[in-house]
N, C-alpha and C. Protein backbone atom coordinates (compact mmCIF):
# COMPACT_ATOMS: atom_id res chain seq x y z
N MET A 1 47.62 29.35 -55.83
CA MET A 1 48.05 27.70 -56.21
C MET A 1 49.62 27.90 -56.20
N MET A 2 49.60 26.81 -55.71
CA MET A 2 51.17 25.81 -55.04
C MET A 2 51.66 25.59 -56.76
N THR A 3 53.29 26.23 -57.31
CA THR A 3 53.90 26.17 -58.18
C THR A 3 54.48 24.43 -58.35
N LEU A 4 54.39 23.78 -59.19
CA LEU A 4 54.95 22.42 -59.32
C LEU A 4 56.76 22.78 -59.43
N ILE A 5 57.45 22.08 -58.99
CA ILE A 5 58.67 22.57 -59.16
C ILE A 5 59.26 21.07 -59.88
N ILE A 6 59.48 20.62 -60.90
CA ILE A 6 59.61 19.63 -61.73
C ILE A 6 60.53 19.73 -62.75
N ALA A 7 61.62 19.08 -62.45
CA ALA A 7 62.34 18.71 -63.75
C ALA A 7 61.93 19.10 -64.89
N THR A 8 62.49 19.87 -66.02
CA THR A 8 61.69 20.26 -67.51
C THR A 8 61.92 19.09 -68.09
N MET A 9 62.52 18.28 -67.94
CA MET A 9 62.91 17.05 -68.84
C MET A 9 62.07 15.44 -68.55
N VAL A 10 61.18 16.30 -67.30
CA VAL A 10 60.13 15.32 -67.07
C VAL A 10 59.00 15.31 -68.09
N TYR A 11 58.28 14.63 -68.29
CA TYR A 11 57.20 14.59 -69.31
C TYR A 11 55.65 14.04 -68.76
N HIS A 12 54.67 14.89 -68.98
CA HIS A 12 53.45 14.39 -68.70
C HIS A 12 52.32 13.47 -69.41
N TYR A 13 52.17 12.38 -69.00
CA TYR A 13 51.02 12.13 -69.86
C TYR A 13 49.75 11.41 -68.87
N TYR A 14 48.15 11.44 -69.93
CA TYR A 14 47.58 10.51 -69.14
C TYR A 14 47.21 9.82 -69.96
N LEU A 15 46.57 8.45 -69.32
CA LEU A 15 45.89 7.33 -70.73
C LEU A 15 44.17 7.24 -70.10
N PHE A 16 43.72 7.79 -71.09
CA PHE A 16 42.18 7.50 -70.95
C PHE A 16 42.07 5.62 -71.20
N LEU A 17 41.65 5.24 -70.26
CA LEU A 17 40.69 3.94 -70.55
C LEU A 17 39.69 3.50 -69.69
N GLU A 18 39.07 2.30 -69.85
CA GLU A 18 38.27 1.88 -69.44
C GLU A 18 38.91 1.05 -68.23
N HIS A 19 38.10 1.36 -67.17
CA HIS A 19 38.31 0.81 -65.95
C HIS A 19 39.04 -0.72 -65.96
N ARG A 20 38.17 -1.70 -66.47
CA ARG A 20 38.48 -3.12 -66.72
C ARG A 20 39.13 -3.71 -67.70
N LEU A 21 40.12 -2.24 -68.23
CA LEU A 21 41.29 -2.77 -68.80
C LEU A 21 42.36 -2.15 -68.11
N LYS A 22 42.44 -1.66 -66.85
CA LYS A 22 43.50 -0.99 -65.70
C LYS A 22 44.15 -1.85 -65.88
N ASP A 23 44.35 -2.95 -65.87
CA ASP A 23 45.58 -3.70 -65.15
C ASP A 23 46.12 -4.24 -66.34
N ALA A 24 45.11 -4.65 -67.67
CA ALA A 24 46.03 -5.03 -69.05
C ALA A 24 47.18 -3.66 -69.05
N TYR A 25 46.79 -2.48 -69.02
CA TYR A 25 47.39 -0.88 -69.34
C TYR A 25 48.53 -1.30 -68.58
N LEU A 26 48.47 -1.28 -67.50
CA LEU A 26 50.06 -1.68 -66.41
C LEU A 26 50.34 -2.87 -66.76
N VAL A 27 50.17 -3.52 -67.04
CA VAL A 27 51.11 -4.82 -67.64
C VAL A 27 51.88 -4.47 -68.80
N HIS A 28 51.27 -3.79 -69.77
CA HIS A 28 51.50 -3.52 -70.91
C HIS A 28 52.76 -2.52 -70.76
N LEU A 29 52.82 -1.59 -70.02
CA LEU A 29 53.55 -0.52 -69.65
C LEU A 29 54.79 -1.40 -68.85
N CYS A 30 54.60 -1.73 -67.76
CA CYS A 30 55.67 -2.35 -66.96
C CYS A 30 56.39 -3.40 -67.64
N LYS A 31 56.01 -4.30 -68.95
CA LYS A 31 56.59 -4.94 -69.61
C LYS A 31 57.47 -4.49 -71.06
N GLU A 32 56.53 -3.54 -70.93
CA GLU A 32 57.66 -2.24 -72.14
C GLU A 32 58.98 -1.66 -71.28
N ALA A 33 58.83 -1.06 -70.34
CA ALA A 33 59.87 -0.65 -69.26
C ALA A 33 60.76 -2.02 -69.16
N GLN A 34 60.31 -2.73 -68.95
CA GLN A 34 61.04 -4.00 -68.59
C GLN A 34 62.14 -4.54 -69.85
N ARG A 35 61.35 -4.18 -71.34
CA ARG A 35 62.37 -4.81 -72.04
C ARG A 35 63.32 -3.87 -72.54
N THR A 36 63.00 -2.36 -72.52
CA THR A 36 63.93 -1.64 -72.58
C THR A 36 64.91 -1.28 -71.55
N GLY A 37 64.85 -2.38 -70.42
CA GLY A 37 65.65 -1.94 -69.18
C GLY A 37 65.26 -0.91 -68.26
N GLN A 38 64.18 -0.26 -68.64
CA GLN A 38 63.94 1.01 -67.40
C GLN A 38 62.97 0.62 -65.90
N THR A 39 62.61 1.44 -65.48
CA THR A 39 62.55 1.05 -64.02
C THR A 39 60.66 1.91 -63.65
N THR A 40 60.15 1.50 -63.01
CA THR A 40 59.18 2.05 -62.91
C THR A 40 58.56 2.03 -61.68
N ALA A 41 58.43 3.24 -61.33
CA ALA A 41 57.28 2.99 -59.61
C ALA A 41 55.89 3.35 -59.97
N ILE A 42 54.94 2.49 -59.50
CA ILE A 42 53.62 2.81 -59.51
C ILE A 42 53.04 3.48 -58.26
N PHE A 43 51.97 4.04 -58.01
CA PHE A 43 52.14 4.85 -56.63
C PHE A 43 50.71 4.01 -56.61
N THR A 44 49.77 3.51 -55.76
CA THR A 44 48.80 3.30 -55.46
C THR A 44 47.89 3.80 -54.80
N GLN A 45 46.84 3.69 -53.95
CA GLN A 45 45.87 4.52 -52.91
C GLN A 45 45.65 3.91 -51.86
N SER A 46 46.05 2.45 -51.59
CA SER A 46 46.05 1.73 -50.49
C SER A 46 46.86 0.43 -50.33
N VAL A 47 47.18 0.34 -49.10
CA VAL A 47 48.14 -1.33 -49.08
C VAL A 47 47.74 -2.43 -49.57
N SER A 48 46.44 -2.79 -49.58
CA SER A 48 45.80 -3.97 -50.15
C SER A 48 45.98 -3.98 -52.07
N GLU A 49 45.90 -2.58 -52.41
CA GLU A 49 46.27 -2.45 -53.77
C GLU A 49 47.65 -2.61 -53.73
N THR A 50 48.42 -2.23 -53.06
CA THR A 50 49.78 -2.25 -53.34
C THR A 50 50.52 -3.85 -53.41
N ARG A 51 49.85 -4.65 -52.87
CA ARG A 51 49.98 -5.79 -52.58
C ARG A 51 49.26 -6.63 -53.82
N ARG A 52 48.02 -6.41 -54.12
CA ARG A 52 47.20 -6.74 -55.11
C ARG A 52 48.32 -7.07 -56.06
N VAL A 53 48.45 -5.81 -56.78
CA VAL A 53 49.03 -5.49 -57.80
C VAL A 53 50.61 -5.87 -57.61
N SER A 54 51.17 -5.76 -57.03
CA SER A 54 52.78 -6.47 -56.97
C SER A 54 52.62 -7.69 -57.00
N ARG A 55 51.74 -8.69 -56.58
CA ARG A 55 51.68 -10.10 -56.48
C ARG A 55 51.21 -10.34 -58.12
N LEU A 56 50.32 -9.62 -58.84
CA LEU A 56 49.85 -9.87 -60.36
C LEU A 56 51.02 -9.80 -61.11
N LEU A 57 51.53 -8.46 -61.35
CA LEU A 57 52.90 -8.32 -61.54
C LEU A 57 53.95 -9.25 -61.34
N ASP A 58 54.36 -9.91 -60.78
CA ASP A 58 54.96 -11.32 -60.32
C ASP A 58 54.40 -12.50 -60.98
N ALA A 59 53.14 -12.82 -60.65
CA ALA A 59 52.87 -13.57 -61.66
C ALA A 59 52.73 -13.56 -62.95
N LEU A 60 53.36 -12.59 -63.77
CA LEU A 60 53.27 -12.25 -64.78
C LEU A 60 54.43 -12.11 -65.72
N LYS A 61 55.65 -12.70 -64.80
CA LYS A 61 56.88 -12.57 -64.85
C LYS A 61 57.75 -11.19 -64.78
N ILE A 62 57.15 -10.42 -64.53
CA ILE A 62 57.50 -9.02 -64.13
C ILE A 62 58.68 -8.57 -62.85
N GLY A 63 59.60 -8.35 -62.96
CA GLY A 63 60.37 -8.00 -61.85
C GLY A 63 59.75 -7.30 -60.86
N VAL A 64 59.42 -7.53 -60.34
CA VAL A 64 58.68 -6.15 -59.20
C VAL A 64 59.22 -6.17 -57.51
N VAL A 65 59.08 -5.54 -57.16
CA VAL A 65 59.37 -5.34 -55.59
C VAL A 65 58.20 -4.13 -54.64
N SER A 66 57.54 -4.22 -53.43
CA SER A 66 56.62 -3.71 -53.38
C SER A 66 56.96 -2.98 -51.78
N LEU A 67 56.71 -1.92 -51.73
CA LEU A 67 56.83 -0.99 -50.32
C LEU A 67 55.84 -0.96 -49.45
N GLN A 68 55.70 -1.46 -48.39
CA GLN A 68 54.75 -1.18 -47.38
C GLN A 68 55.07 -1.04 -46.21
N ILE A 69 54.27 -0.08 -45.38
CA ILE A 69 54.33 0.19 -44.07
C ILE A 69 55.24 -1.07 -42.89
N ASP A 70 54.70 -2.00 -43.04
CA ASP A 70 55.30 -2.63 -41.59
C ASP A 70 56.75 -3.82 -42.67
N LEU A 71 57.12 -3.21 -43.39
CA LEU A 71 58.51 -3.86 -44.07
C LEU A 71 59.58 -3.64 -42.70
N SER A 72 60.10 -4.36 -42.49
CA SER A 72 61.53 -4.07 -41.39
C SER A 72 62.44 -3.19 -42.36
N PRO A 73 63.43 -2.64 -41.64
CA PRO A 73 64.06 -1.62 -42.32
C PRO A 73 65.20 -2.58 -43.32
N SER A 74 65.11 -3.70 -42.47
CA SER A 74 66.25 -4.71 -43.38
C SER A 74 65.80 -5.11 -44.94
N ALA A 75 64.42 -5.75 -44.82
CA ALA A 75 63.71 -6.14 -45.84
C ALA A 75 63.46 -4.74 -46.81
N ARG A 76 63.04 -3.60 -46.50
CA ARG A 76 62.66 -2.68 -47.38
C ARG A 76 64.47 -2.45 -48.15
N ALA A 77 65.56 -2.26 -47.30
CA ALA A 77 66.37 -2.29 -47.85
C ALA A 77 67.02 -3.20 -49.05
N ALA A 78 66.63 -4.13 -48.76
CA ALA A 78 66.96 -5.49 -49.55
C ALA A 78 66.08 -5.18 -50.92
N SER A 79 64.78 -4.78 -50.69
CA SER A 79 64.06 -4.69 -51.83
C SER A 79 64.26 -3.77 -52.82
N LEU A 80 64.58 -2.25 -51.73
CA LEU A 80 65.23 -1.02 -53.00
C LEU A 80 66.63 -1.31 -53.59
N ASP A 81 67.45 -2.31 -53.04
CA ASP A 81 68.80 -2.68 -53.79
C ASP A 81 68.45 -3.49 -55.09
N LYS A 82 67.24 -4.49 -55.08
CA LYS A 82 66.80 -5.21 -56.38
C LYS A 82 66.45 -4.54 -57.20
N LEU A 83 66.12 -3.03 -56.97
CA LEU A 83 65.55 -2.17 -58.27
C LEU A 83 66.48 -1.05 -58.42
N ARG A 84 67.41 -0.92 -57.27
CA ARG A 84 68.94 0.02 -57.65
C ARG A 84 69.87 -0.78 -58.93
N ARG A 85 69.83 -2.19 -58.66
CA ARG A 85 71.03 -2.85 -59.64
C ARG A 85 70.06 -3.50 -60.40
N LYS A 86 68.52 -3.03 -60.73
CA LYS A 86 67.97 -3.20 -61.73
C LYS A 86 67.61 -5.02 -61.95
N GLU A 87 67.44 -5.46 -60.82
CA GLU A 87 67.38 -7.15 -60.99
C GLU A 87 65.96 -7.25 -61.28
N CYS A 88 65.07 -6.61 -60.83
CA CYS A 88 63.69 -5.94 -61.08
C CYS A 88 63.75 -4.78 -61.37
N HIS A 89 62.33 -4.25 -62.03
CA HIS A 89 62.07 -3.43 -63.37
C HIS A 89 60.68 -2.42 -62.97
N ALA A 90 60.19 -3.00 -61.62
CA ALA A 90 58.94 -2.36 -60.98
C ALA A 90 58.76 -2.05 -59.71
N LEU A 91 58.65 -0.97 -58.94
CA LEU A 91 58.23 -0.74 -57.72
C LEU A 91 56.89 -0.25 -57.50
N VAL A 92 56.00 -1.32 -56.42
CA VAL A 92 54.72 -0.38 -56.06
C VAL A 92 54.71 -0.47 -54.93
N THR A 93 54.00 1.01 -54.64
CA THR A 93 54.07 1.64 -53.08
C THR A 93 52.71 2.23 -52.95
N THR A 94 52.89 2.89 -51.84
CA THR A 94 51.66 3.72 -51.35
C THR A 94 52.98 5.33 -51.06
N ASP A 95 51.90 6.19 -51.40
CA ASP A 95 52.51 7.64 -50.75
C ASP A 95 53.42 7.69 -49.45
N VAL A 96 52.57 6.69 -48.03
CA VAL A 96 52.77 6.64 -47.22
C VAL A 96 54.38 6.07 -46.97
N ALA A 97 54.38 4.60 -47.78
CA ALA A 97 55.37 3.69 -47.52
C ALA A 97 56.82 4.76 -48.23
N ALA A 98 56.60 5.50 -49.29
CA ALA A 98 57.42 5.98 -50.06
C ALA A 98 58.37 7.08 -49.04
N THR A 99 57.40 7.55 -48.60
CA THR A 99 58.31 8.36 -47.48
C THR A 99 58.97 7.92 -46.72
N LEU A 100 59.03 6.79 -46.37
CA LEU A 100 59.82 6.41 -44.73
C LEU A 100 61.15 6.31 -45.38
N GLY A 101 61.79 7.03 -46.58
CA GLY A 101 63.18 6.80 -46.52
C GLY A 101 63.23 6.26 -48.44
N PRO A 102 64.55 6.96 -48.49
CA PRO A 102 64.91 6.98 -49.73
C PRO A 102 64.49 5.87 -51.22
N ILE A 103 64.27 6.00 -51.94
CA ILE A 103 64.16 5.39 -52.93
C ILE A 103 64.60 5.44 -54.18
N PRO A 104 65.56 4.80 -55.22
CA PRO A 104 66.12 4.80 -55.92
C PRO A 104 65.45 5.38 -56.74
N ASP A 105 65.94 6.38 -57.55
CA ASP A 105 65.26 7.11 -59.16
C ASP A 105 64.91 6.40 -60.29
N VAL A 106 63.91 6.57 -60.89
CA VAL A 106 63.60 5.75 -61.50
C VAL A 106 63.00 6.30 -63.07
N ASP A 107 62.60 5.69 -64.18
CA ASP A 107 62.48 6.15 -65.36
C ASP A 107 61.26 6.74 -65.07
N ARG A 108 59.98 5.91 -64.92
CA ARG A 108 58.81 6.15 -65.49
C ARG A 108 58.02 6.20 -63.89
N ILE A 109 57.13 7.19 -63.52
CA ILE A 109 56.16 7.28 -62.59
C ILE A 109 54.42 7.05 -63.23
N ILE A 110 53.70 6.08 -62.45
CA ILE A 110 52.45 5.65 -62.70
C ILE A 110 51.33 5.81 -61.61
N ASN A 111 50.72 6.94 -61.82
CA ASN A 111 49.81 7.35 -61.08
C ASN A 111 48.43 6.46 -61.34
N LEU A 112 48.18 5.03 -60.41
CA LEU A 112 47.68 4.22 -60.60
C LEU A 112 46.49 4.77 -60.12
N THR A 113 45.58 5.57 -59.34
CA THR A 113 44.27 5.65 -59.02
C THR A 113 44.29 7.07 -58.85
N LEU A 114 43.32 7.74 -59.45
CA LEU A 114 43.13 9.16 -58.89
C LEU A 114 42.05 9.34 -57.64
N THR A 115 42.65 10.09 -57.00
CA THR A 115 41.82 10.67 -55.99
C THR A 115 41.98 11.80 -55.50
N TRP A 116 40.74 12.35 -54.92
CA TRP A 116 40.53 13.69 -54.27
C TRP A 116 41.63 14.22 -53.67
N LYS A 117 42.27 13.21 -52.53
CA LYS A 117 43.52 13.64 -52.20
C LYS A 117 44.89 13.97 -53.05
N MET A 118 44.93 14.00 -53.93
CA MET A 118 45.92 14.38 -54.99
C MET A 118 46.35 15.83 -55.14
N ASN A 119 47.13 16.30 -54.92
CA ASN A 119 47.79 17.76 -54.83
C ASN A 119 48.83 18.05 -55.51
N PRO A 120 49.06 19.49 -55.52
CA PRO A 120 50.75 19.51 -56.14
C PRO A 120 51.85 19.01 -55.39
N GLU A 121 51.54 19.01 -54.15
CA GLU A 121 52.46 18.03 -53.20
C GLU A 121 53.20 16.89 -53.59
N ILE A 122 52.00 16.39 -53.42
CA ILE A 122 51.89 14.68 -53.84
C ILE A 122 52.39 14.20 -55.04
N TYR A 123 52.08 15.45 -55.95
CA TYR A 123 52.40 15.38 -57.47
C TYR A 123 53.76 15.01 -57.75
N THR A 124 54.40 16.19 -57.15
CA THR A 124 55.38 16.82 -56.78
C THR A 124 56.60 15.68 -56.18
N LYS A 125 56.10 15.52 -55.17
CA LYS A 125 56.97 14.41 -55.03
C LYS A 125 56.84 13.32 -55.61
N ARG A 126 56.04 12.69 -56.00
CA ARG A 126 55.97 11.76 -57.04
C ARG A 126 57.08 11.54 -58.01
N ALA A 127 56.90 12.97 -58.61
CA ALA A 127 57.79 13.20 -59.64
C ALA A 127 59.03 13.50 -59.26
N SER A 128 59.60 13.60 -58.48
CA SER A 128 60.81 13.77 -57.82
C SER A 128 61.59 12.66 -58.02
N HIS A 129 61.20 11.24 -57.95
CA HIS A 129 62.02 10.40 -58.37
C HIS A 129 62.05 10.05 -59.52
N ILE A 130 62.25 10.53 -60.90
CA ILE A 130 62.76 10.41 -61.65
C ILE A 130 64.07 10.78 -61.92
N GLY A 131 64.97 9.99 -62.26
CA GLY A 131 66.20 10.30 -62.90
C GLY A 131 66.93 10.98 -62.06
N HIS A 132 68.00 11.22 -62.99
CA HIS A 132 69.34 12.19 -62.39
C HIS A 132 69.34 13.47 -62.92
N ALA A 133 69.92 14.46 -62.57
CA ALA A 133 69.98 15.99 -63.45
C ALA A 133 70.17 15.74 -64.83
N GLY A 134 69.74 15.78 -65.78
CA GLY A 134 69.69 15.77 -67.21
C GLY A 134 69.27 14.68 -67.99
N THR A 135 68.21 13.62 -67.38
CA THR A 135 67.98 12.56 -68.03
C THR A 135 66.51 12.77 -67.52
N SER A 136 65.87 12.34 -68.94
CA SER A 136 64.59 12.80 -69.21
C SER A 136 63.39 11.49 -68.44
N GLY A 137 62.27 11.91 -68.16
CA GLY A 137 61.16 10.77 -67.62
C GLY A 137 59.87 10.98 -67.53
N GLN A 138 59.03 10.08 -67.14
CA GLN A 138 57.68 10.07 -67.81
C GLN A 138 56.76 9.61 -66.66
N VAL A 139 56.02 10.92 -66.42
CA VAL A 139 54.84 10.64 -65.10
C VAL A 139 53.42 10.14 -66.16
N MET A 140 53.02 9.23 -65.72
CA MET A 140 51.70 8.78 -66.54
C MET A 140 50.66 8.51 -65.56
N THR A 141 49.52 8.99 -65.67
CA THR A 141 48.48 9.23 -64.87
C THR A 141 47.41 8.23 -65.42
N PHE A 142 46.70 7.38 -64.78
CA PHE A 142 45.70 6.75 -65.69
C PHE A 142 44.27 7.38 -64.94
N VAL A 143 43.49 7.76 -66.50
CA VAL A 143 41.92 8.34 -65.80
C VAL A 143 41.13 7.09 -66.61
N THR A 144 40.28 6.38 -65.77
CA THR A 144 39.02 5.77 -66.58
C THR A 144 37.72 6.77 -66.08
N GLN A 145 37.00 5.91 -67.03
CA GLN A 145 35.51 6.59 -66.85
C GLN A 145 34.78 7.32 -65.69
N TYR A 146 35.46 6.59 -64.63
CA TYR A 146 34.89 7.11 -63.35
C TYR A 146 35.70 8.10 -62.67
N ASP A 147 36.87 8.33 -63.40
CA ASP A 147 37.88 9.75 -62.85
C ASP A 147 37.39 10.94 -63.53
N MET A 148 36.68 11.32 -64.33
CA MET A 148 36.72 12.21 -65.38
C MET A 148 36.82 13.81 -64.10
N GLU A 149 35.74 13.62 -63.08
CA GLU A 149 35.50 14.33 -62.58
C GLU A 149 37.00 15.29 -61.52
N VAL A 150 37.31 13.94 -60.98
CA VAL A 150 38.21 13.85 -60.49
C VAL A 150 39.54 14.78 -61.34
N TYR A 151 39.47 14.13 -62.33
CA TYR A 151 40.81 14.39 -63.42
C TYR A 151 40.31 15.75 -63.65
N ASP A 152 39.23 16.65 -64.01
CA ASP A 152 39.10 17.85 -64.46
C ASP A 152 39.54 18.83 -63.36
N ARG A 153 39.25 18.61 -62.05
CA ARG A 153 39.75 19.14 -60.77
C ARG A 153 41.14 19.41 -60.46
N GLN A 154 41.91 17.92 -61.15
CA GLN A 154 43.18 17.81 -60.82
C GLN A 154 44.15 18.90 -61.62
N ASN A 155 43.46 19.18 -62.97
CA ASN A 155 43.98 20.09 -64.15
C ASN A 155 44.05 20.86 -63.74
N LYS A 156 43.25 21.50 -63.13
CA LYS A 156 42.98 23.48 -62.69
C LYS A 156 44.06 23.07 -61.49
N VAL A 157 43.83 22.10 -60.48
CA VAL A 157 44.39 22.42 -59.24
C VAL A 157 46.58 22.36 -59.15
N LEU A 158 46.36 21.33 -60.38
CA LEU A 158 47.78 21.10 -60.82
C LEU A 158 48.66 21.90 -61.73
N GLY A 159 47.71 22.00 -62.99
CA GLY A 159 48.26 23.26 -63.44
C GLY A 159 49.69 22.56 -64.22
N VAL A 160 49.50 21.10 -64.57
CA VAL A 160 50.72 20.46 -65.33
C VAL A 160 49.79 19.94 -66.58
N PRO A 161 50.54 20.91 -67.96
CA PRO A 161 49.34 20.42 -69.02
C PRO A 161 49.98 18.87 -68.85
N LEU A 162 49.02 17.83 -69.27
CA LEU A 162 49.31 16.63 -69.48
C LEU A 162 48.90 16.11 -71.08
N VAL A 163 49.86 15.40 -71.72
CA VAL A 163 49.41 15.06 -73.01
C VAL A 163 48.75 13.50 -72.69
N GLU A 164 47.82 13.10 -73.75
CA GLU A 164 47.78 11.59 -73.77
C GLU A 164 48.71 10.87 -74.59
N TYR A 165 48.86 10.05 -73.88
CA TYR A 165 50.04 8.56 -73.90
C TYR A 165 49.08 7.57 -74.90
N THR A 166 49.44 7.25 -76.19
CA THR A 166 49.28 6.37 -77.09
C THR A 166 50.33 5.38 -76.85
N VAL A 167 49.09 4.40 -76.61
CA VAL A 167 49.52 3.07 -76.60
C VAL A 167 49.09 1.80 -77.65
N ASP A 168 50.00 0.45 -77.86
CA ASP A 168 49.94 -0.07 -78.98
C ASP A 168 48.65 -1.72 -78.02
N MET A 169 47.47 -1.27 -79.00
CA MET A 169 46.04 -1.74 -78.28
C MET A 169 46.41 -3.43 -78.58
N ASP A 170 46.80 -3.91 -79.31
CA ASP A 170 46.94 -5.19 -79.63
C ASP A 170 47.75 -5.64 -78.63
N SER A 171 49.25 -5.17 -77.97
CA SER A 171 49.77 -5.32 -76.98
C SER A 171 48.97 -5.41 -75.88
N VAL A 172 47.80 -4.71 -75.76
CA VAL A 172 46.99 -4.06 -74.58
C VAL A 172 46.66 -5.41 -74.49
N MET A 173 45.97 -6.16 -75.30
CA MET A 173 44.45 -7.20 -75.35
C MET A 173 45.39 -8.26 -74.69
N SER A 174 46.67 -8.27 -75.69
CA SER A 174 47.32 -9.66 -75.16
C SER A 174 47.68 -9.43 -73.62
N CYS A 175 48.27 -8.34 -73.30
CA CYS A 175 48.52 -8.36 -71.90
C CYS A 175 46.89 -8.64 -70.94
N ARG A 176 45.71 -8.29 -71.46
CA ARG A 176 44.42 -8.50 -71.13
C ARG A 176 44.14 -10.03 -70.68
N GLU A 177 44.41 -10.63 -71.82
CA GLU A 177 44.11 -12.06 -71.84
C GLU A 177 45.29 -12.93 -70.93
N GLN A 178 46.24 -12.26 -70.66
CA GLN A 178 47.48 -12.82 -69.59
C GLN A 178 47.08 -12.98 -68.18
N VAL A 179 46.37 -10.99 -67.84
CA VAL A 179 45.99 -10.85 -66.43
C VAL A 179 44.44 -11.59 -66.44
N GLU A 180 43.47 -12.10 -67.46
CA GLU A 180 42.64 -13.15 -66.88
C GLU A 180 43.04 -14.28 -66.54
N GLU A 181 44.15 -14.65 -67.32
CA GLU A 181 44.54 -16.54 -66.92
C GLU A 181 45.18 -16.22 -65.74
N ALA A 182 46.02 -14.88 -65.64
CA ALA A 182 46.21 -15.25 -63.79
C ALA A 182 45.41 -14.97 -62.88
N ALA A 183 43.87 -14.90 -63.12
CA ALA A 183 43.13 -14.54 -61.90
C ALA A 183 42.33 -15.23 -62.07
N LEU A 184 42.35 -16.56 -63.08
CA LEU A 184 41.51 -17.69 -63.33
C LEU A 184 42.33 -18.23 -61.93
N GLU A 185 43.69 -18.58 -62.18
CA GLU A 185 44.72 -19.20 -61.40
C GLU A 185 44.77 -18.61 -59.89
N ASP A 186 44.32 -17.43 -59.78
CA ASP A 186 44.24 -17.28 -58.38
C ASP A 186 43.34 -15.56 -58.30
N PRO A 187 42.20 -16.41 -58.28
CA PRO A 187 40.84 -14.97 -58.07
C PRO A 187 41.57 -14.03 -57.35
N SER A 188 42.31 -13.68 -56.01
CA SER A 188 42.37 -12.88 -55.10
C SER A 188 43.32 -11.82 -56.08
N LEU A 189 43.75 -11.61 -57.49
CA LEU A 189 44.72 -11.19 -58.20
C LEU A 189 43.49 -9.94 -58.81
N ARG A 190 42.25 -10.35 -58.73
CA ARG A 190 41.45 -9.72 -59.73
C ARG A 190 41.42 -8.38 -58.91
N ASP A 191 40.93 -7.31 -59.41
CA ASP A 191 40.76 -5.47 -59.46
C ASP A 191 39.45 -5.82 -58.59
N THR A 192 39.30 -5.36 -57.55
CA THR A 192 38.09 -5.55 -56.78
C THR A 192 37.42 -3.96 -56.31
N GLY A 193 37.98 -3.13 -57.24
CA GLY A 193 37.97 -1.97 -57.39
C GLY A 193 36.56 -0.98 -57.76
N LEU A 194 35.98 -2.45 -58.67
CA LEU A 194 34.90 -2.28 -58.83
C LEU A 194 33.59 -3.55 -58.83
N LEU A 195 32.23 -3.08 -58.02
CA LEU A 195 31.64 -4.29 -57.55
C LEU A 195 30.64 -4.16 -58.75
N ARG A 196 29.91 -5.30 -58.74
CA ARG A 196 29.08 -5.51 -59.94
C ARG A 196 27.58 -5.68 -58.64
N ALA A 197 26.63 -4.19 -59.70
CA ALA A 197 25.46 -4.08 -58.63
C ALA A 197 24.69 -3.88 -59.52
N GLY A 198 23.33 -4.45 -59.68
CA GLY A 198 22.00 -4.69 -60.76
C GLY A 198 22.50 -4.78 -61.72
N GLY A 199 23.42 -5.59 -62.34
CA GLY A 199 23.89 -6.01 -63.99
C GLY A 199 24.81 -5.06 -63.98
N ARG A 200 25.50 -3.81 -63.51
CA ARG A 200 26.49 -2.80 -63.66
C ARG A 200 27.49 -2.55 -63.07
N LEU A 201 28.61 -2.57 -63.73
CA LEU A 201 29.60 -1.88 -62.90
C LEU A 201 29.91 -0.63 -62.37
N LYS A 202 30.12 -0.88 -61.28
CA LYS A 202 29.93 0.61 -60.48
C LYS A 202 30.83 0.82 -59.62
N PRO A 203 31.79 2.32 -59.53
CA PRO A 203 32.84 2.45 -58.76
C PRO A 203 32.64 2.29 -57.20
N VAL A 204 33.32 1.74 -56.87
CA VAL A 204 33.60 1.35 -55.36
C VAL A 204 33.24 3.07 -54.61
N GLY A 205 31.72 3.10 -54.04
CA GLY A 205 31.27 4.54 -53.51
C GLY A 205 32.21 4.60 -51.50
N PRO A 206 32.27 6.10 -51.80
CA PRO A 206 33.23 6.24 -50.19
C PRO A 206 32.58 5.83 -49.17
N GLU A 207 31.43 5.11 -48.89
CA GLU A 207 31.38 4.33 -47.63
C GLU A 207 32.23 3.05 -47.66
N ARG A 208 32.73 2.41 -49.02
CA ARG A 208 33.22 1.54 -49.12
C ARG A 208 34.44 1.72 -48.82
N ALA A 209 34.66 2.67 -49.71
CA ALA A 209 36.42 2.93 -49.51
C ALA A 209 37.01 3.28 -48.44
N ALA A 210 36.29 3.89 -47.74
CA ALA A 210 36.55 4.10 -46.31
C ALA A 210 37.22 3.11 -45.34
N SER A 211 36.43 2.19 -45.66
CA SER A 211 36.65 1.00 -44.58
C SER A 211 37.62 -0.10 -45.16
N SER A 212 38.51 0.37 -46.11
CA SER A 212 39.67 -0.09 -46.81
C SER A 212 41.08 0.56 -46.29
N THR A 213 42.29 -0.03 -46.36
CA THR A 213 43.22 0.39 -45.37
C THR A 213 43.98 1.46 -46.60
N LEU A 214 43.40 3.09 -46.38
CA LEU A 214 44.35 3.56 -47.07
C LEU A 214 45.58 3.58 -47.12
N GLY A 215 46.34 3.92 -47.94
CA GLY A 215 47.82 4.26 -48.12
C GLY A 215 48.29 5.82 -47.66
N TYR A 216 47.61 6.58 -47.78
CA TYR A 216 48.01 8.29 -47.90
C TYR A 216 48.14 8.79 -46.31
């Protein structure tokens, strides 16, 4: 098993949540960070998810930039400079886009979507973007009711003890209302990770996921 080399002042958390509240939790955490002057890097699994999440945060007045593999070097540099100067407080990216060049250190990492491709190398690389030497930071992993099998496997593979992160649910539910209002104005902001089938919400299957543009 690969040993994770992560700064000792980096704290590792998981948030167990209902998939339908995923965006609400994300908005809550980003607003929390922006209010306290902290920066957050949000890792997604696809280009389309990167675009949707960044547009959602922008619609809710959260300063955000996104990294996409088709960005020109000048556009990438301009976006990262905004984060570095804290003109915005959130960065949304895939692992591939993040490896195309250095990105500024941040205070918090959010692993938005668990996938089977998560491994110690990817987790360590993401965590390495936290802070400078001697500063503390947080890595937060979202775990929905559909991610338990992946989460259990990754706990064994990663070997990093994760602590449950508690949130103010009143604030989360308030953010949920904001997310729903934004989606009513622009339906493309809705999370399409779940499809309604037979009256039940089901996670997107591998055959559908394979048709998306993955960010790995």
